[in-house]
Amino acid sequence: MLITVGPKGQNGPMNIADIATRDHLEIDVGTRMGKVRAEFENGNPKGIIVTDDGEYEGVISERQVLQSHVEDDAKVAALLKPSRSAPAPTVDRDEDVRETARILIEGNAKIAPVFENGDLWGVITDDAVLEAVLENLSAITVADVYTAEPITVTEDDGVGKVINQLRENGISRLPVRNENGYLTGMVTTHDIADFVIRENERMTQGDRVGDNERMLDVPVYDIMNSPVETIESAATVQTAVETMLEFDYAGLVVTPADDERQIDGVITKTDVLRALTYTEEEQMDVQITNISQLGSMSRADVVESIESVVDKYAKMQVQHAHVRFHEHKEKLRGQPLIRCQIRLRTNKGQLAGSGEGYGADSAFRVALDKLERNVLELKGITSDEEYRGQLLRKLNEI
């Protein structure tokens, strides 16, 4: 469903001139990483703008810092170096909200630099965009945008497993289940960062090698948030966003109306931002997260490949497609190991395919193959159900 994001009482596009802000943290590429980690610990910012002699270089997020192995004495430049080949994402101060949401999504970011007349002016955050369009979100429900069948962990899983799940899937939160499969908590990258910082402050230098291993074995039960804020799929997206903004949460667990212990899915601010980018164009609407990792592929290649799979099930109509690339540190002959996830929102429900390969093209092909198998399987199941329905109707006529 397309969300109208024009100004109040108008149909024209809303721009970000009035919602962008100059209130942000800014550091130089020569700053020590220890200071960066302290900034996230003390202020919990959405992100930190990095400059080099006053010129914009990039944005550092808490998740990026958490997932890096850069020492405290290293410079910020060491963290940015792997991505310097990709163009730095920028937003013009007069950009419209829909395009700004797309830039945040494709950059996998909560904050983006805002430029005016070619100069760094300030920043725009995901919260500012959502607050600006809040009244427009009453027309759609959580069921229209949430992610079904999310990845979860159990209370007894160790912190090490949680970190691996977050890294491998490029996500920032995981619902936690007990031994009966019921929802009992939520664990986020911020929870892990707090835990690691607290433990490192307690340890002496000599203790760290052994204690670092033990930290990874600490059960997620010890660091998760509980109880968890939940929402029903029939609720409006406006209600979901208001809840997230009120409690400063980036996501909520979606549960059935009759049992808040069951996990139907997760809705995040990112899911809502992605919905803002939906268009009414005839061509399939495809959103790509971490688009800088596409390599030799183009957006047109990605769209055409997904359409070729979708066309194999004529009765399935795709409302939106999301492709996410996540780069691992491992390389083979210079090609990074990349995980690709493809998720379709269709009139037949949500379908997905994921895979890994060296280079974006290889990873995308593996994910596309799995998606195709899932599409064909759904087509077969639906055909069987239609046949059984026809047979039952004929039997009833006897």
Protein backbone atom coordinates (compact mmCIF):
# COMPACT_ATOMS: atom_id res chain seq x y z
CA MET A 1 0.00 0.00 0.00
CA LEU A 2 1.37 3.43 -0.97
CA ILE A 3 1.70 5.89 1.91
CA THR A 4 0.89 9.52 1.11
CA VAL A 5 3.62 11.73 2.56
CA GLY A 6 2.57 15.20 1.45
CA PRO A 7 2.26 18.14 3.86
CA LYS A 8 -0.89 18.42 5.97
CA GLY A 9 -3.87 19.13 3.77
CA GLN A 10 -1.82 18.97 0.55
CA ASN A 11 -0.86 16.35 -1.98
CA GLY A 12 2.63 17.64 -2.81
CA PRO A 13 5.76 15.89 -1.49
CA MET A 14 7.08 16.84 1.95
CA ASN A 15 10.76 17.78 2.09
CA ILE A 16 13.14 17.58 5.04
CA ALA A 17 14.08 21.27 5.30
CA ASP A 18 12.13 21.65 8.55
CA ILE A 19 12.98 18.31 10.15
CA ALA A 20 16.72 18.04 9.52
CA THR A 21 18.86 19.21 12.46
CA ARG A 22 22.30 20.61 13.16
CA ASP A 23 22.37 18.80 16.51
CA HIS A 24 24.82 15.94 15.92
CA LEU A 25 28.18 14.50 16.96
CA GLU A 26 31.12 15.07 14.62
CA ILE A 27 34.64 13.60 14.90
CA ASP A 28 37.79 13.60 12.78
CA VAL A 29 39.17 10.48 11.07
CA GLY A 30 42.21 10.77 13.36
CA THR A 31 40.16 10.28 16.54
CA ARG A 32 40.95 7.18 18.64
CA MET A 33 38.35 4.40 18.56
CA GLY A 34 38.34 4.34 22.35
CA LYS A 35 36.81 7.82 22.36
CA VAL A 36 34.22 6.75 19.77
CA ARG A 37 33.16 3.79 21.92
CA ALA A 38 32.88 6.11 24.93
CA GLU A 39 30.60 8.46 22.94
CA PHE A 40 28.22 5.61 22.15
CA GLU A 41 28.33 4.39 25.74
CA ASN A 42 27.60 7.81 27.25
CA GLY A 43 25.22 9.37 24.76
CA ASN A 44 23.72 6.50 22.72
CA PRO A 45 23.65 8.58 19.50
CA LYS A 46 22.04 7.36 16.28
CA GLY A 47 25.41 7.68 14.62
CA ILE A 48 28.50 9.88 14.49
CA ILE A 49 29.49 11.99 11.48
CA VAL A 50 33.14 11.52 10.48
CA THR A 51 35.09 14.28 8.73
CA ASP A 52 38.61 14.61 7.33
CA ASP A 53 39.97 18.13 7.65
CA GLY A 54 36.38 19.38 7.71
CA GLU A 55 35.25 17.34 4.68
CA TYR A 56 32.55 14.68 5.14
CA GLU A 57 33.90 11.10 5.11
CA GLY A 58 31.09 8.91 6.44
CA VAL A 59 28.88 7.86 9.34
CA ILE A 60 29.77 5.42 12.12
CA SER A 61 26.97 3.46 13.80
CA GLU A 62 27.04 1.63 17.13
CA ARG A 63 26.46 -1.68 15.36
CA GLN A 64 29.43 -1.00 13.08
CA VAL A 65 31.65 -0.34 16.10
CA LEU A 66 30.37 -3.43 17.91
CA GLN A 67 30.98 -5.72 14.95
CA SER A 68 34.47 -4.38 14.26
CA HIS A 69 37.70 -5.75 15.72
CA VAL A 70 39.48 -2.38 15.64
CA GLU A 71 41.47 -1.70 18.84
CA ASP A 72 40.80 1.33 21.04
CA ASP A 73 44.16 2.88 20.12
CA ALA A 74 43.42 2.68 16.37
CA LYS A 75 42.14 5.69 14.46
CA VAL A 76 38.58 6.05 13.15
CA ALA A 77 40.01 5.93 9.62
CA ALA A 78 40.73 2.21 10.14
CA LEU A 79 37.01 1.53 10.56
CA LEU A 80 36.01 3.54 7.50
CA LYS A 81 38.75 2.22 5.21
CA PRO A 82 36.86 -0.90 3.92
CA SER A 83 33.96 1.25 2.68
CA ARG A 84 35.89 4.21 1.26
CA SER A 85 35.61 2.81 -2.27
CA ALA A 86 31.83 3.33 -2.07
CA PRO A 87 30.39 6.82 -2.54
CA ALA A 88 29.38 8.47 0.73
CA PRO A 89 25.57 8.78 1.00
CA THR A 90 24.33 12.35 1.18
CA VAL A 91 20.94 14.06 1.44
CA ASP A 92 20.11 17.52 0.13
CA ARG A 93 18.33 19.75 2.64
CA ASP A 94 15.43 20.17 0.21
CA GLU A 95 15.12 16.43 -0.54
CA ASP A 96 11.66 14.88 -0.19
CA VAL A 97 10.82 12.46 2.60
CA ARG A 98 10.29 9.43 0.35
CA GLU A 99 13.75 9.72 -1.25
CA THR A 100 15.34 10.37 2.16
CA ALA A 101 13.78 7.17 3.50
CA ARG A 102 15.23 5.29 0.51
CA ILE A 103 18.71 6.69 1.20
CA LEU A 104 18.53 5.62 4.86
CA ILE A 105 17.33 2.13 3.88
CA GLU A 106 19.89 1.54 1.13
CA GLY A 107 22.67 2.86 3.35
CA ASN A 108 21.46 0.65 6.24
CA ALA A 109 21.62 3.77 8.40
CA LYS A 110 19.66 5.52 11.15
CA ILE A 111 21.25 8.86 10.33
CA ALA A 112 22.41 10.59 7.14
CA PRO A 113 24.36 13.80 6.54
CA VAL A 114 22.40 16.73 5.13
CA PHE A 115 24.04 19.12 2.67
CA GLU A 116 23.05 22.65 1.68
CA ASN A 117 24.71 24.27 -1.34
CA GLY A 118 27.39 21.59 -1.26
CA ASP A 119 28.33 22.10 2.40
CA LEU A 120 27.62 19.80 5.34
CA TRP A 121 24.63 21.42 7.09
CA GLY A 122 23.49 18.84 9.64
CA VAL A 123 21.82 15.44 9.82
CA ILE A 124 18.48 13.72 9.30
CA THR A 125 17.49 10.75 11.47
CA ASP A 126 15.03 7.92 11.00
CA ASP A 127 13.04 9.17 14.02
CA ALA A 128 12.67 12.65 12.49
CA VAL A 129 11.31 11.17 9.26
CA LEU A 130 8.85 8.92 11.11
CA GLU A 131 7.63 11.74 13.36
CA ALA A 132 7.04 13.92 10.31
CA VAL A 133 4.78 11.36 8.61
CA LEU A 134 3.18 9.93 11.75
CA GLU A 135 -0.38 11.03 10.91
CA ASN A 136 -0.10 9.42 7.46
CA LEU A 137 0.61 6.00 9.01
CA SER A 138 -2.91 5.47 10.37
CA ALA A 139 -4.05 4.21 6.95
CA ILE A 140 -1.93 1.03 7.04
CA THR A 141 -1.66 -1.83 9.51
CA VAL A 142 1.29 -3.66 11.02
CA ALA A 143 0.33 -6.66 8.84
CA ASP A 144 1.12 -4.54 5.75
CA VAL A 145 4.78 -3.97 6.64
CA TYR A 146 6.06 -6.34 9.34
CA THR A 147 8.59 -9.14 8.82
CA ALA A 148 7.11 -12.59 9.38
CA GLU A 149 8.96 -15.62 10.80
CA PRO A 150 11.86 -13.68 12.32
CA ILE A 151 15.10 -15.27 13.47
CA THR A 152 14.99 -15.96 17.22
CA VAL A 153 17.26 -17.28 19.98
CA THR A 154 16.55 -19.17 23.19
CA GLU A 155 17.22 -18.03 26.75
CA ASP A 156 20.09 -20.53 27.07
CA ASP A 157 21.90 -19.50 23.87
CA GLY A 158 25.23 -17.79 24.56
CA VAL A 159 26.13 -14.19 23.75
CA GLY A 160 28.56 -15.53 21.13
CA LYS A 161 25.72 -17.18 19.20
CA VAL A 162 23.64 -14.00 19.40
CA ILE A 163 26.52 -11.92 18.00
CA ASN A 164 26.93 -14.41 15.11
CA GLN A 165 23.21 -14.31 14.31
CA LEU A 166 23.17 -10.51 14.31
CA ARG A 167 26.26 -10.35 12.08
CA GLU A 168 25.24 -13.07 9.62
CA ASN A 169 21.77 -11.64 9.10
CA GLY A 170 22.65 -7.95 9.22
CA ILE A 171 20.04 -7.23 11.91
CA SER A 172 20.12 -5.42 15.24
CA ARG A 173 17.65 -7.34 17.44
CA LEU A 174 16.43 -10.86 18.16
CA PRO A 175 13.32 -12.05 20.03
CA VAL A 176 14.16 -14.52 22.83
CA ARG A 177 12.13 -17.70 23.46
CA ASN A 178 11.97 -20.01 26.48
CA GLU A 179 12.08 -23.81 26.32
CA ASN A 180 8.37 -23.87 25.42
CA GLY A 181 8.86 -21.53 22.48
CA TYR A 182 7.13 -18.60 24.17
CA LEU A 183 8.38 -15.01 23.90
CA THR A 184 10.27 -13.93 27.02
CA GLY A 185 12.59 -11.14 25.93
CA MET A 186 14.45 -9.15 23.30
CA VAL A 187 18.21 -8.76 22.85
CA THR A 188 19.79 -5.98 20.75
CA THR A 189 23.23 -4.88 19.63
CA HIS A 190 23.01 -2.09 22.21
CA ASP A 191 22.40 -4.65 25.00
CA ILE A 192 25.49 -6.57 23.92
CA ALA A 193 27.60 -3.39 23.68
CA ASP A 194 26.56 -2.41 27.23
CA PHE A 195 27.38 -5.90 28.51
CA VAL A 196 30.80 -6.08 26.84
CA ILE A 197 31.79 -2.58 28.02
CA ARG A 198 30.74 -3.34 31.62
CA GLU A 199 32.64 -6.62 31.67
CA ASN A 200 35.79 -5.12 30.14
CA GLU A 201 35.79 -2.37 32.77
CA ARG A 202 35.69 -5.02 35.52
CA MET A 203 38.54 -7.08 34.09
CA THR A 204 42.26 -6.56 34.53
CA GLN A 205 44.57 -6.90 31.54
CA GLY A 206 45.73 -10.36 32.58
CA ASP A 207 42.18 -11.67 32.98
CA ARG A 208 40.89 -10.63 29.59
CA VAL A 209 41.94 -13.55 27.41
CA GLY A 210 40.09 -16.12 29.49
CA ASP A 211 37.20 -13.89 30.48
CA ASN A 212 36.52 -12.81 26.90
CA GLU A 213 35.84 -16.47 26.06
CA ARG A 214 33.58 -16.84 29.08
CA MET A 215 31.65 -13.70 28.10
CA LEU A 216 30.63 -15.37 24.84
CA ASP A 217 29.15 -18.26 26.84
CA VAL A 218 26.99 -16.06 29.08
CA PRO A 219 23.33 -16.98 28.40
CA VAL A 220 21.26 -14.35 26.61
CA TYR A 221 18.78 -14.57 29.52
CA ASP A 222 21.26 -12.56 31.60
CA ILE A 223 21.36 -9.55 29.26
CA MET A 224 18.01 -9.52 27.42
CA ASN A 225 15.24 -6.96 27.91
CA SER A 226 12.12 -8.31 29.59
CA PRO A 227 9.16 -7.88 29.49
CA VAL A 228 8.87 -7.09 25.79
CA GLU A 229 6.67 -4.47 24.13
CA THR A 230 4.40 -6.27 21.66
CA ILE A 231 1.78 -5.26 19.11
CA GLU A 232 -0.94 -7.05 17.16
CA SER A 233 -0.79 -7.32 13.37
CA ALA A 234 -4.19 -5.57 13.08
CA ALA A 235 -2.92 -2.44 14.84
CA THR A 236 -2.10 0.64 12.76
CA VAL A 237 1.49 1.41 11.87
CA GLN A 238 0.92 4.80 13.52
CA THR A 239 0.32 3.06 16.84
CA ALA A 240 3.43 0.91 16.35
CA VAL A 241 5.64 3.92 15.59
CA GLU A 242 4.21 5.92 18.50
CA THR A 243 5.09 3.01 20.82
CA MET A 244 8.62 2.74 19.41
CA LEU A 245 9.20 6.48 19.75
CA GLU A 246 7.76 6.58 23.29
CA PHE A 247 10.02 3.80 24.60
CA ASP A 248 12.96 4.59 22.29
CA TYR A 249 12.74 1.11 20.74
CA ALA A 250 13.80 0.35 17.17
CA GLY A 251 11.38 -2.58 16.89
CA LEU A 252 8.42 -4.44 18.40
CA VAL A 253 7.45 -8.10 18.43
CA VAL A 254 4.24 -8.84 16.54
CA THR A 255 1.96 -11.32 18.32
CA PRO A 256 -1.47 -12.89 17.68
CA ALA A 257 -4.44 -11.11 19.25
CA ASP A 258 -5.24 -14.11 21.44
CA ASP A 259 -1.73 -14.90 22.79
CA GLU A 260 1.03 -12.37 23.46
CA ARG A 261 3.46 -15.23 24.15
CA GLN A 262 3.54 -16.33 20.51
CA ILE A 263 5.91 -14.70 17.99
CA ASP A 264 4.31 -13.90 14.63
CA GLY A 265 6.96 -11.46 13.47
CA VAL A 266 8.82 -8.23 14.11
CA ILE A 267 8.10 -4.68 13.00
CA THR A 268 10.98 -2.19 13.03
CA LYS A 269 11.44 1.45 12.17
CA THR A 270 13.31 0.19 9.11
CA ASP A 271 10.23 -1.73 7.96
CA VAL A 272 8.18 1.47 8.19
CA LEU A 273 10.79 3.54 6.36
CA ARG A 274 10.83 0.89 3.63
CA ALA A 275 7.05 1.22 3.31
CA LEU A 276 7.51 4.96 2.75
CA THR A 277 9.53 4.18 -0.37
CA TYR A 278 6.77 2.12 -2.02
CA THR A 279 5.65 3.58 -5.33
CA GLU A 280 2.74 3.09 -7.73
CA GLU A 281 5.03 2.37 -10.69
CA GLU A 282 4.14 -0.63 -12.84
CA GLN A 283 7.66 -2.03 -12.46
CA MET A 284 8.19 -4.13 -9.34
CA ASP A 285 9.26 -2.01 -6.37
CA VAL A 286 12.62 -3.39 -5.18
CA GLN A 287 14.49 -1.97 -2.18
CA ILE A 288 18.19 -2.81 -1.80
CA THR A 289 19.96 -2.48 1.55
CA ASN A 290 23.75 -1.92 1.40
CA ILE A 291 23.47 -1.11 -2.29
CA SER A 292 27.17 -0.14 -2.35
CA GLN A 293 27.99 -3.87 -2.19
CA LEU A 294 26.22 -4.63 -5.50
CA GLY A 295 29.52 -4.76 -7.38
CA SER A 296 29.13 -5.34 -11.12
CA MET A 297 25.36 -5.89 -10.88
CA SER A 298 22.94 -3.05 -11.48
CA ARG A 299 19.56 -2.40 -9.87
CA ALA A 300 17.98 -3.32 -13.23
CA ASP A 301 19.76 -6.73 -13.13
CA VAL A 302 18.38 -7.41 -9.66
CA VAL A 303 14.83 -6.39 -10.61
CA GLU A 304 14.86 -8.42 -13.83
CA SER A 305 16.13 -11.55 -12.06
CA ILE A 306 13.47 -11.39 -9.35
CA GLU A 307 10.74 -10.75 -11.91
CA SER A 308 11.84 -13.87 -13.85
CA VAL A 309 11.28 -15.94 -10.70
CA VAL A 310 7.97 -14.28 -9.82
CA ASP A 311 6.65 -14.85 -13.36
CA LYS A 312 6.76 -18.61 -12.72
CA TYR A 313 3.71 -18.24 -10.47
CA ALA A 314 1.25 -16.09 -12.41
CA LYS A 315 -1.31 -15.87 -9.59
CA MET A 316 1.23 -14.40 -7.20
CA GLN A 317 1.38 -10.61 -7.15
CA VAL A 318 4.42 -9.01 -5.52
CA GLN A 319 3.66 -5.90 -3.50
CA HIS A 320 7.26 -5.24 -2.55
CA ALA A 321 10.68 -6.90 -2.76
CA HIS A 322 13.60 -6.31 -0.40
CA VAL A 323 17.19 -7.39 -1.10
CA ARG A 324 19.84 -7.12 1.61
CA PHE A 325 23.59 -7.61 1.16
CA HIS A 326 25.88 -8.16 4.15
CA GLU A 327 29.66 -8.36 3.73
CA HIS A 328 31.75 -10.68 5.92
CA LYS A 329 35.46 -10.16 6.59
CA GLU A 330 36.42 -13.45 4.89
CA LYS A 331 37.78 -13.16 1.33
CA LEU A 332 38.79 -15.46 -1.53
CA ARG A 333 41.02 -14.10 -4.29
CA GLY A 334 40.08 -10.59 -3.27
CA GLN A 335 36.32 -11.25 -3.33
CA PRO A 336 34.54 -10.77 0.03
CA LEU A 337 32.15 -13.40 1.35
CA ILE A 338 28.68 -11.86 1.10
CA ARG A 339 25.34 -12.98 2.46
CA CYS A 340 22.29 -12.05 0.41
CA GLN A 341 18.68 -12.17 1.56
CA ILE A 342 15.69 -11.68 -0.73
CA ARG A 343 12.25 -11.20 0.79
CA LEU A 344 9.00 -10.80 -1.14
CA ARG A 345 5.75 -9.44 0.24
CA THR A 346 2.98 -10.89 -1.96
CA ASN A 347 -0.75 -11.53 -2.07
CA LYS A 348 0.14 -15.13 -1.14
CA GLY A 349 2.12 -14.13 1.96
CA GLN A 350 5.83 -13.52 2.53
CA LEU A 351 8.48 -15.52 0.70
CA ALA A 352 12.25 -15.44 1.14
CA GLY A 353 15.51 -16.89 -0.06
CA SER A 354 19.04 -16.40 1.28
CA GLY A 355 22.55 -17.55 0.47
CA GLU A 356 26.26 -16.78 0.64
CA GLY A 357 28.95 -16.49 -1.99
CA TYR A 358 32.19 -14.72 -2.80
CA GLY A 359 31.05 -11.49 -4.41
CA ALA A 360 27.55 -10.00 -4.55
CA ASP A 361 26.68 -11.68 -7.86
CA SER A 362 27.42 -15.17 -6.52
CA ALA A 363 25.55 -14.57 -3.26
CA PHE A 364 22.55 -13.12 -5.10
CA ARG A 365 22.35 -16.15 -7.44
CA VAL A 366 22.34 -18.59 -4.50
CA ALA A 367 19.61 -16.58 -2.73
CA LEU A 368 17.61 -16.32 -5.97
CA ASP A 369 17.76 -20.10 -6.48
CA LYS A 370 16.37 -20.68 -2.98
CA LEU A 371 13.68 -18.07 -3.56
CA GLU A 372 12.70 -19.78 -6.80
CA ARG A 373 12.37 -23.16 -5.04
CA ASN A 374 10.15 -21.56 -2.38
CA VAL A 375 7.99 -19.87 -5.03
CA LEU A 376 7.54 -23.13 -6.95
CA GLU A 377 6.83 -25.03 -3.73
CA LEU A 378 4.13 -22.50 -2.81
CA LYS A 379 2.71 -22.79 -6.32
CA GLY A 380 2.54 -26.58 -5.97
CA ILE A 381 0.91 -26.43 -2.54
CA THR A 382 -1.65 -23.91 -3.76
CA SER A 383 -2.42 -26.04 -6.82
CA ASP A 384 -2.92 -29.10 -4.60
CA GLU A 385 -5.27 -27.15 -2.33
CA GLU A 386 -7.26 -25.88 -5.31
CA TYR A 387 -7.54 -29.44 -6.65
CA ARG A 388 -8.72 -30.75 -3.27
CA GLY A 389 -11.27 -27.93 -3.10
CA GLN A 390 -12.60 -28.80 -6.55
CA LEU A 391 -12.78 -32.49 -5.63
CA LEU A 392 -14.70 -31.76 -2.42
CA ARG A 393 -17.17 -29.56 -4.27
CA LYS A 394 -17.78 -32.34 -6.80
CA LEU A 395 -18.25 -34.90 -4.00
CA ASN A 396 -20.79 -32.62 -2.35
CA GLU A 397 -22.74 -32.50 -5.58
CA ILE A 398 -23.12 -36.29 -5.71
